[in-house]
Amino acid sequence: MWLNRQVGQNFRQEYIIEEKLLDVRSEHILEIFKSQNFGQIAMIDERHILIEKFLYVESELLAHIPSCCIKEDYGYKKALLTGGFCLEIAYELLKHNIDVDFLQSDEKVLHSFISFFPHFTQTTQNPKFHLYAKTIELPLEKYDVIIHQGTPNAHEIDGLQRMLTPQGIFIHRLAHPYIQEDKCIALLQNLDGFFEIVMPFFAPFSLFDDRVYVFASKQTHPLADMWLQKVDMLSDLRYYNADIHQAAFSMPTHIAKSLQGIIKN
């Protein structure tokens, strides 16, 4: 059997699967499939895919790139995760000894991942991890890092950027500039007026060819402010390191030209 995922109008990913292990329907739809080569594959709402074998790639990248750009003397204490279910990002953020607020209203689907995420229990039982169902329930504090696992619209971006500290970092998913260039440009333009630094990045040397993100901040630069000492202090990593951090922001010349004037670096 094949599991298909449509990425844009002219691009599709396919995975060979053996059987469906789980089907949960609530506010969202979660389907988990067994794959011989990739372990379990989770499909959310029939379009978003998480691959068990490579969860560490995206999780380490999204957690440690912002965390290693904010120095301890800034009082880095809080991060917000929203727009998805990947608890492994929270697990990696917790390595920085910070409070992580996880915003997700669909607890039925979230708890259905208990056998999928390798650090599910370790993360959810950590005293610095806090689960919230609604934005209105969040504490009235500013965040140093906000990671949106999806692609928020301009209205959502406006609301989230108001929740950041002055040096805070906002990360969200982008459309791929190769596959959906117009959509990528439109998403980057949604950040205009809110941030002084806007830089796309991706996971180099990985299988996640269509996964592109944006690093946005009013003060903090992902390369100039990378704190090498903090990177070197991290342990138990399988993907992230200082070279990966820097390479993630490298772009082909023609893509850099097409995004010229939109990217702020």
Protein backbone atom coordinates (compact mmCIF):
# COMPACT_ATOMS: atom_id res chain seq x y z
CA MET A 1 0.00 0.00 0.00
CA TRP A 2 1.02 3.58 -0.60
CA LEU A 3 0.49 6.64 1.58
CA ASN A 4 0.23 9.80 -0.51
CA ARG A 5 0.78 13.38 0.60
CA GLN A 6 0.11 16.24 -1.78
CA VAL A 7 2.58 19.13 -1.50
CA GLY A 8 1.42 21.96 -3.71
CA GLN A 9 -0.24 21.55 -7.07
CA ASN A 10 2.54 19.71 -8.89
CA PHE A 11 4.39 17.75 -6.21
CA ARG A 12 3.47 14.67 -4.22
CA GLN A 13 5.28 12.47 -1.69
CA GLU A 14 4.58 8.74 -1.43
CA TYR A 15 5.53 6.23 1.25
CA ILE A 16 5.15 2.46 1.19
CA ILE A 17 3.12 1.34 4.23
CA GLU A 18 2.13 -2.05 5.57
CA GLU A 19 -0.99 -1.36 7.61
CA LYS A 20 -2.95 1.27 9.50
CA LEU A 21 -2.31 1.09 13.24
CA LEU A 22 -4.57 3.85 14.52
CA ASP A 23 -7.43 6.07 13.34
CA VAL A 24 -8.61 8.81 15.74
CA ARG A 25 -11.16 11.47 14.79
CA SER A 26 -11.86 14.47 16.98
CA GLU A 27 -11.23 18.13 16.22
CA HIS A 28 -8.48 16.73 14.01
CA ILE A 29 -7.96 13.44 12.19
CA LEU A 30 -4.99 11.31 13.19
CA GLU A 31 -3.97 8.23 11.22
CA ILE A 32 -0.86 6.23 12.13
CA PHE A 33 0.59 3.71 9.69
CA LYS A 34 3.29 1.08 9.97
CA SER A 35 6.21 1.37 7.56
CA GLN A 36 9.08 -1.07 7.21
CA ASN A 37 11.67 1.61 6.41
CA PHE A 38 10.43 4.58 8.45
CA GLY A 39 8.83 3.03 11.53
CA GLN A 40 5.46 4.62 12.21
CA ILE A 41 4.15 7.42 9.99
CA ALA A 42 1.52 9.77 11.39
CA MET A 43 -0.77 11.73 9.08
CA ILE A 44 -2.73 14.63 10.59
CA ASP A 45 -5.82 15.98 8.83
CA GLU A 46 -4.85 14.00 5.71
CA ARG A 47 -2.01 16.38 4.82
CA HIS A 48 0.59 16.84 7.60
CA ILE A 49 3.07 13.99 8.10
CA LEU A 50 5.36 13.07 11.00
CA ILE A 51 7.85 10.25 10.47
CA GLU A 52 8.88 8.43 13.63
CA LYS A 53 12.37 7.56 12.37
CA PHE A 54 13.26 11.18 11.67
CA LEU A 55 11.39 13.09 14.37
CA TYR A 56 14.67 14.18 15.90
CA VAL A 57 15.70 16.13 12.78
CA GLU A 58 12.87 18.66 12.78
CA SER A 59 12.56 18.70 16.58
CA GLU A 60 16.21 19.47 17.26
CA LEU A 61 16.39 22.07 14.50
CA LEU A 62 13.29 24.01 15.55
CA ALA A 63 14.11 23.91 19.26
CA HIS A 64 17.83 24.63 19.29
CA ILE A 65 18.21 27.25 16.56
CA PRO A 66 16.23 29.86 18.54
CA SER A 67 17.35 28.62 21.94
CA CYS A 68 21.02 28.95 21.04
CA CYS A 69 20.56 32.54 19.88
CA ILE A 70 19.25 33.94 23.16
CA LYS A 71 21.89 34.33 25.84
CA GLU A 72 21.29 33.45 29.46
CA ASP A 73 21.70 37.06 30.60
CA TYR A 74 18.55 37.91 28.64
CA GLY A 75 16.61 35.86 31.17
CA TYR A 76 15.46 33.22 28.69
CA LYS A 77 12.72 31.41 30.56
CA LYS A 78 9.63 30.82 28.43
CA ALA A 79 8.69 29.30 25.09
CA LEU A 80 5.32 28.75 23.42
CA LEU A 81 4.53 25.91 21.04
CA THR A 82 1.36 26.13 19.00
CA GLY A 83 -0.19 25.01 15.71
CA GLY A 84 0.59 21.30 15.96
CA PHE A 85 1.14 18.16 17.99
CA CYS A 86 4.89 17.48 17.95
CA LEU A 87 5.85 17.09 21.59
CA GLU A 88 9.42 16.22 20.61
CA ILE A 89 10.06 19.93 19.97
CA ALA A 90 8.99 20.60 23.56
CA TYR A 91 11.30 17.80 24.76
CA GLU A 92 14.26 19.48 23.06
CA LEU A 93 13.30 22.93 24.38
CA LEU A 94 13.20 21.55 27.91
CA LYS A 95 16.91 20.73 27.63
CA HIS A 96 17.45 24.48 28.05
CA ASN A 97 15.76 24.40 31.46
CA ILE A 98 12.94 26.70 30.43
CA ASP A 99 9.17 26.69 30.86
CA VAL A 100 7.36 25.40 27.79
CA ASP A 101 3.70 26.24 27.22
CA PHE A 102 2.09 23.88 24.70
CA LEU A 103 -1.14 25.15 23.15
CA GLN A 104 -3.40 22.39 21.78
CA SER A 105 -7.14 22.03 22.28
CA ASP A 106 -7.48 18.49 20.87
CA GLU A 107 -6.26 16.46 23.83
CA LYS A 108 -7.82 13.27 22.44
CA VAL A 109 -5.55 13.32 19.39
CA LEU A 110 -2.57 14.59 21.39
CA HIS A 111 -2.76 11.69 23.86
CA SER A 112 -3.16 9.25 20.96
CA PHE A 113 0.51 9.98 20.17
CA ILE A 114 1.62 8.30 23.42
CA SER A 115 3.24 5.38 21.57
CA PHE A 116 4.48 7.50 18.69
CA PHE A 117 6.57 10.19 20.39
CA PRO A 118 9.55 8.52 22.12
CA HIS A 119 9.60 11.10 24.94
CA PHE A 120 5.83 11.59 25.35
CA THR A 121 5.63 10.74 29.07
CA GLN A 122 8.99 12.29 29.90
CA THR A 123 7.83 15.55 28.33
CA THR A 124 4.25 15.77 29.59
CA GLN A 125 5.28 14.93 33.16
CA ASN A 126 8.09 17.48 33.26
CA PRO A 127 7.17 20.21 35.80
CA LYS A 128 8.27 22.87 33.31
CA PHE A 129 5.84 21.63 30.64
CA HIS A 130 2.35 23.15 30.65
CA LEU A 131 -0.54 22.15 28.37
CA TYR A 132 -3.23 24.69 27.51
CA ALA A 133 -6.37 24.23 25.43
CA LYS A 134 -7.08 27.88 24.61
CA THR A 135 -5.03 31.02 24.07
CA ILE A 136 -7.06 32.84 26.69
CA GLU A 137 -5.79 30.35 29.30
CA LEU A 138 -2.13 31.23 28.72
CA PRO A 139 -0.34 33.16 31.49
CA LEU A 140 -0.02 36.91 30.98
CA GLU A 141 3.71 36.76 30.31
CA LYS A 142 5.94 37.43 27.33
CA TYR A 143 7.72 34.62 25.47
CA ASP A 144 11.32 34.50 24.36
CA VAL A 145 10.51 31.93 21.67
CA ILE A 146 7.25 31.15 19.88
CA ILE A 147 7.18 28.22 17.47
CA HIS A 148 4.12 27.75 15.27
CA GLN A 149 4.22 24.30 13.69
CA GLY A 150 1.97 25.41 10.84
CA THR A 151 1.59 28.47 8.62
CA PRO A 152 -0.29 31.20 10.52
CA ASN A 153 -2.14 33.95 8.68
CA ALA A 154 -1.38 37.66 9.05
CA HIS A 155 -3.96 38.09 11.84
CA GLU A 156 -2.44 35.22 13.86
CA ILE A 157 1.07 36.60 13.32
CA ASP A 158 -0.03 39.99 14.62
CA GLY A 159 -1.42 38.40 17.79
CA LEU A 160 1.58 36.14 18.39
CA GLN A 161 4.22 38.83 17.85
CA ARG A 162 2.58 40.88 20.60
CA MET A 163 3.35 38.00 22.97
CA LEU A 164 7.12 38.15 22.35
CA THR A 165 9.78 39.81 24.48
CA PRO A 166 11.80 42.56 22.69
CA GLN A 167 14.54 40.04 21.79
CA GLY A 168 12.02 37.24 21.17
CA ILE A 169 12.10 34.86 18.22
CA PHE A 170 9.14 33.71 16.15
CA ILE A 171 9.37 30.61 13.95
CA HIS A 172 6.76 29.15 11.63
CA ARG A 173 6.45 26.87 8.63
CA LEU A 174 6.84 28.29 5.11
CA ALA A 175 5.82 27.06 1.71
CA HIS A 176 8.85 25.77 -0.19
CA PRO A 177 10.27 28.44 -2.55
CA TYR A 178 11.02 25.79 -5.21
CA ILE A 179 7.57 24.19 -5.16
CA GLN A 180 5.30 27.09 -4.19
CA GLU A 181 7.30 30.27 -4.76
CA ASP A 182 4.31 32.64 -4.85
CA LYS A 183 2.88 31.21 -1.62
CA CYS A 184 6.30 31.39 0.06
CA ILE A 185 6.61 35.08 -0.87
CA ALA A 186 3.08 35.81 0.37
CA LEU A 187 3.78 34.15 3.73
CA LEU A 188 7.01 36.10 4.15
CA GLN A 189 5.19 39.33 3.32
CA ASN A 190 2.80 38.64 6.21
CA LEU A 191 5.76 39.26 8.53
CA ASP A 192 6.51 42.67 7.07
CA GLY A 193 6.01 45.49 9.54
CA PHE A 194 6.37 43.24 12.56
CA PHE A 195 10.01 42.10 12.44
CA GLU A 196 13.40 43.59 11.57
CA ILE A 197 14.97 40.18 10.84
CA VAL A 198 13.19 37.69 8.57
CA MET A 199 15.26 34.71 7.35
CA PRO A 200 14.06 31.40 5.86
CA PHE A 201 15.84 28.20 6.86
CA PHE A 202 15.54 24.46 6.32
CA ALA A 203 16.97 21.18 7.58
CA PRO A 204 20.14 20.58 5.51
CA PHE A 205 21.25 17.03 4.69
CA SER A 206 17.87 15.53 5.56
CA LEU A 207 14.97 13.82 3.79
CA PHE A 208 12.55 16.65 4.59
CA ASP A 209 12.90 18.34 1.23
CA ASP A 210 9.70 20.38 1.46
CA ARG A 211 10.06 21.54 5.08
CA VAL A 212 11.06 25.18 5.15
CA TYR A 213 10.70 27.60 8.06
CA VAL A 214 11.24 31.26 8.83
CA PHE A 215 13.17 32.83 11.71
CA ALA A 216 11.72 36.24 12.57
CA SER A 217 12.80 38.65 15.30
CA LYS A 218 12.91 42.35 16.13
CA GLN A 219 16.46 42.17 17.52
CA THR A 220 17.99 38.68 17.54
CA HIS A 221 19.94 37.45 14.49
CA PRO A 222 20.15 33.67 13.89
CA LEU A 223 23.82 33.77 12.82
CA ALA A 224 25.35 36.85 14.44
CA ASP A 225 23.78 35.96 17.80
CA MET A 226 24.42 32.21 17.73
CA TRP A 227 26.00 31.41 21.09
CA LEU A 228 28.59 28.72 20.32
CA GLN A 229 29.21 28.00 24.00
CA LYS A 230 25.54 27.15 24.45
CA VAL A 231 25.59 24.88 21.38
CA ASP A 232 28.64 23.02 22.70
CA MET A 233 26.99 22.44 26.09
CA LEU A 234 24.08 20.48 24.58
CA SER A 235 24.22 16.70 24.86
CA ASP A 236 22.28 13.70 23.57
CA LEU A 237 21.77 15.23 20.12
CA ARG A 238 21.59 13.27 16.88
CA TYR A 239 21.29 16.07 14.31
CA TYR A 240 21.82 19.63 15.51
CA ASN A 241 25.28 21.20 15.84
CA ALA A 242 26.90 24.55 15.06
CA ASP A 243 27.60 23.66 11.42
CA ILE A 244 23.99 22.55 10.87
CA HIS A 245 22.79 25.79 12.49
CA GLN A 246 24.77 27.92 10.06
CA ALA A 247 24.09 25.76 7.00
CA ALA A 248 20.34 25.90 7.63
CA PHE A 249 20.28 29.55 6.52
CA SER A 250 22.28 29.05 3.32
CA MET A 251 20.21 29.53 0.17
CA PRO A 252 20.81 28.95 -3.55
CA THR A 253 21.67 32.18 -5.37
CA HIS A 254 18.58 32.29 -7.58
CA ILE A 255 16.25 31.72 -4.59
CA ALA A 256 17.99 34.47 -2.63
CA LYS A 257 17.50 36.78 -5.61
CA SER A 258 13.82 35.92 -5.96
CA LEU A 259 13.27 36.70 -2.27
CA GLN A 260 15.42 39.84 -2.31
CA GLY A 261 13.66 42.71 -0.58
CA ILE A 262 11.45 40.30 1.38
CA ILE A 263 14.17 38.61 3.39
CA LYS A 264 15.63 40.88 6.06
CA ASN A 265 19.08 39.89 7.27
